Amino acid sequence: MNSFIPIFSTFFILLGFLVWRFPKLIAGYNTMTSEQQKKVDVKGLKSFMCRVFCAIGVLVFVSYLLLRLFMDEASAINISSIVVPIIGVIYLLAGGQRYDHN
């Protein structure tokens, strides 16, 4: 197994827990005025982002293992490390809007 995939997966999981612990890391939230920040459901948003980032990390690892059964290692790495995070970030951006009441 390529050592890149476990490190990449761990990065996303760590990022999820960091966002949960430090919501100021959320892009856009830290640049809002204090009045705008009061209109954001921070507890819900940080929980949602933590779940999505952790899911991306797990799915990168699992998809790599499953894709290795059907294709070569380079293709499995490319698909699991590019496609899964892109789909996850699109879901994150779309789903995170429901916590912003501005």
C-alpha atoms as a PDB file:
ATOM      1  CA  MET A   1       0.000   0.000   0.000  1.00  0.00           C
ATOM      2  CA  ASN A   2       1.202   3.438  -0.859  1.00  0.00           C
ATOM      3  CA  SER A   3       1.924   5.454   2.308  1.00  0.00           C
ATOM      4  CA  PHE A   4       0.293   8.532   0.762  1.00  0.00           C
ATOM      5  CA  ILE A   5      -3.276   7.277   1.217  1.00  0.00           C
ATOM      6  CA  PRO A   6      -3.197   6.695   5.013  1.00  0.00           C
ATOM      7  CA  ILE A   7      -1.537  10.085   5.524  1.00  0.00           C
ATOM      8  CA  PHE A   8      -4.091  11.800   3.278  1.00  0.00           C
ATOM      9  CA  SER A   9      -6.964  10.064   5.082  1.00  0.00           C
ATOM     10  CA  THR A  10      -5.556  10.987   8.478  1.00  0.00           C
ATOM     11  CA  PHE A  11      -5.207  14.597   7.347  1.00  0.00           C
ATOM     12  CA  PHE A  12      -8.937  14.852   6.595  1.00  0.00           C
ATOM     13  CA  ILE A  13      -9.907  13.206   9.871  1.00  0.00           C
ATOM     14  CA  LEU A  14      -7.579  15.512  11.804  1.00  0.00           C
ATOM     15  CA  LEU A  15      -8.978  18.495   9.895  1.00  0.00           C
ATOM     16  CA  GLY A  16     -12.481  17.464  10.944  1.00  0.00           C
ATOM     17  CA  PHE A  17     -11.558  17.383  14.618  1.00  0.00           C
ATOM     18  CA  LEU A  18      -9.659  20.667  14.362  1.00  0.00           C
ATOM     19  CA  VAL A  19     -12.686  22.406  12.837  1.00  0.00           C
ATOM     20  CA  TRP A  20     -14.883  20.946  15.580  1.00  0.00           C
ATOM     21  CA  ARG A  21     -12.508  22.172  18.285  1.00  0.00           C
ATOM     22  CA  PHE A  22     -11.646  25.527  16.679  1.00  0.00           C
ATOM     23  CA  PRO A  23     -14.618  26.834  14.626  1.00  0.00           C
ATOM     24  CA  LYS A  24     -12.625  29.951  13.690  1.00  0.00           C
ATOM     25  CA  LEU A  25     -10.828  27.695  11.180  1.00  0.00           C
ATOM     26  CA  ILE A  26     -14.012  27.563   9.098  1.00  0.00           C
ATOM     27  CA  ALA A  27     -13.414  29.562   5.942  1.00  0.00           C
ATOM     28  CA  GLY A  28     -15.566  32.651   5.830  1.00  0.00           C
ATOM     29  CA  TYR A  29     -16.726  32.395   9.438  1.00  0.00           C
ATOM     30  CA  ASN A  30     -13.625  34.058  10.838  1.00  0.00           C
ATOM     31  CA  THR A  31     -13.983  37.019   8.443  1.00  0.00           C
ATOM     32  CA  MET A  32     -17.622  37.704   9.346  1.00  0.00           C
ATOM     33  CA  THR A  33     -18.531  40.584  11.618  1.00  0.00           C
ATOM     34  CA  SER A  34     -19.582  39.648  15.133  1.00  0.00           C
ATOM     35  CA  GLU A  35     -23.206  40.419  14.200  1.00  0.00           C
ATOM     36  CA  GLN A  36     -23.036  37.993  11.276  1.00  0.00           C
ATOM     37  CA  GLN A  37     -21.339  35.342  13.427  1.00  0.00           C
ATOM     38  CA  LYS A  38     -24.240  35.507  15.881  1.00  0.00           C
ATOM     39  CA  LYS A  39     -26.604  34.482  13.064  1.00  0.00           C
ATOM     40  CA  VAL A  40     -24.620  31.319  12.306  1.00  0.00           C
ATOM     41  CA  ASP A  41     -25.462  28.045  14.046  1.00  0.00           C
ATOM     42  CA  VAL A  42     -21.847  27.361  15.014  1.00  0.00           C
ATOM     43  CA  LYS A  43     -22.554  24.181  16.962  1.00  0.00           C
ATOM     44  CA  GLY A  44     -24.431  22.646  14.065  1.00  0.00           C
ATOM     45  CA  LEU A  45     -21.942  23.845  11.452  1.00  0.00           C
ATOM     46  CA  LYS A  46     -18.840  22.603  13.261  1.00  0.00           C
ATOM     47  CA  SER A  47     -20.509  19.250  13.935  1.00  0.00           C
ATOM     48  CA  PHE A  48     -21.559  18.934  10.287  1.00  0.00           C
ATOM     49  CA  MET A  49     -18.090  19.849   9.025  1.00  0.00           C
ATOM     50  CA  CYS A  50     -16.415  17.418  11.432  1.00  0.00           C
ATOM     51  CA  ARG A  51     -18.642  14.573  10.238  1.00  0.00           C
ATOM     52  CA  VAL A  52     -18.081  15.377   6.571  1.00  0.00           C
ATOM     53  CA  PHE A  53     -14.291  15.723   6.871  1.00  0.00           C
ATOM     54  CA  CYS A  54     -14.052  12.473   8.850  1.00  0.00           C
ATOM     55  CA  ALA A  55     -16.258  10.742   6.270  1.00  0.00           C
ATOM     56  CA  ILE A  56     -14.021  12.014   3.472  1.00  0.00           C
ATOM     57  CA  GLY A  57     -10.972  10.624   5.280  1.00  0.00           C
ATOM     58  CA  VAL A  58     -12.555   7.214   5.779  1.00  0.00           C
ATOM     59  CA  LEU A  59     -13.949   7.095   2.236  1.00  0.00           C
ATOM     60  CA  VAL A  60     -10.575   7.964   0.716  1.00  0.00           C
ATOM     61  CA  PHE A  61      -9.012   5.005   2.505  1.00  0.00           C
ATOM     62  CA  VAL A  62     -11.854   2.547   1.860  1.00  0.00           C
ATOM     63  CA  SER A  63     -12.265   3.566  -1.783  1.00  0.00           C
ATOM     64  CA  TYR A  64      -8.531   3.069  -2.338  1.00  0.00           C
ATOM     65  CA  LEU A  65      -8.706  -0.443  -0.882  1.00  0.00           C
ATOM     66  CA  LEU A  66     -11.762  -1.343  -2.966  1.00  0.00           C
ATOM     67  CA  LEU A  67     -10.408   0.170  -6.187  1.00  0.00           C
ATOM     68  CA  ARG A  68      -7.145  -1.758  -5.783  1.00  0.00           C
ATOM     69  CA  LEU A  69      -9.163  -4.948  -6.305  1.00  0.00           C
ATOM     70  CA  PHE A  70     -10.202  -3.836  -9.792  1.00  0.00           C
ATOM     71  CA  MET A  71      -7.427  -1.598 -11.142  1.00  0.00           C
ATOM     72  CA  ASP A  72      -3.783  -0.705 -10.829  1.00  0.00           C
ATOM     73  CA  GLU A  73      -2.419   1.226  -7.872  1.00  0.00           C
ATOM     74  CA  ALA A  74      -1.866   4.542  -9.706  1.00  0.00           C
ATOM     75  CA  SER A  75      -5.461   4.705 -10.915  1.00  0.00           C
ATOM     76  CA  ALA A  76      -6.796   3.756  -7.487  1.00  0.00           C
ATOM     77  CA  ILE A  77      -4.727   6.503  -5.866  1.00  0.00           C
ATOM     78  CA  ASN A  78      -5.857   9.088  -8.412  1.00  0.00           C
ATOM     79  CA  ILE A  79      -9.543   8.289  -8.058  1.00  0.00           C
ATOM     80  CA  SER A  80      -9.597   7.936  -4.284  1.00  0.00           C
ATOM     81  CA  SER A  81      -7.442  10.988  -3.567  1.00  0.00           C
ATOM     82  CA  ILE A  82      -9.031  13.352  -6.116  1.00  0.00           C
ATOM     83  CA  VAL A  83     -12.619  12.339  -6.811  1.00  0.00           C
ATOM     84  CA  VAL A  84     -13.682  11.527  -3.239  1.00  0.00           C
ATOM     85  CA  PRO A  85     -12.454  14.840  -1.716  1.00  0.00           C
ATOM     86  CA  ILE A  86     -13.958  16.897  -4.566  1.00  0.00           C
ATOM     87  CA  ILE A  87     -17.373  15.286  -4.113  1.00  0.00           C
ATOM     88  CA  GLY A  88     -17.046  15.664  -0.335  1.00  0.00           C
ATOM     89  CA  VAL A  89     -16.159  19.349  -0.523  1.00  0.00           C
ATOM     90  CA  ILE A  90     -19.061  20.035  -2.895  1.00  0.00           C
ATOM     91  CA  TYR A  91     -21.384  18.342  -0.387  1.00  0.00           C
ATOM     92  CA  LEU A  92     -19.745  20.321   2.424  1.00  0.00           C
ATOM     93  CA  LEU A  93     -20.295  23.653   0.668  1.00  0.00           C
ATOM     94  CA  ALA A  94     -23.887  22.862  -0.270  1.00  0.00           C
ATOM     95  CA  GLY A  95     -24.870  21.388   3.084  1.00  0.00           C
ATOM     96  CA  GLY A  96     -23.132  24.021   5.171  1.00  0.00           C
ATOM     97  CA  GLN A  97     -25.407  26.748   3.813  1.00  0.00           C
ATOM     98  CA  ARG A  98     -28.281  25.645   6.024  1.00  0.00           C
ATOM     99  CA  TYR A  99     -26.393  26.766   9.145  1.00  0.00           C
ATOM    100  CA  ASP A 100     -25.874  30.328   7.891  1.00  0.00           C
ATOM    101  CA  HIS A 101     -28.922  32.474   8.644  1.00  0.00           C
ATOM    102  CA  ASN A 102     -27.486  35.725   7.260  1.00  0.00           C
END
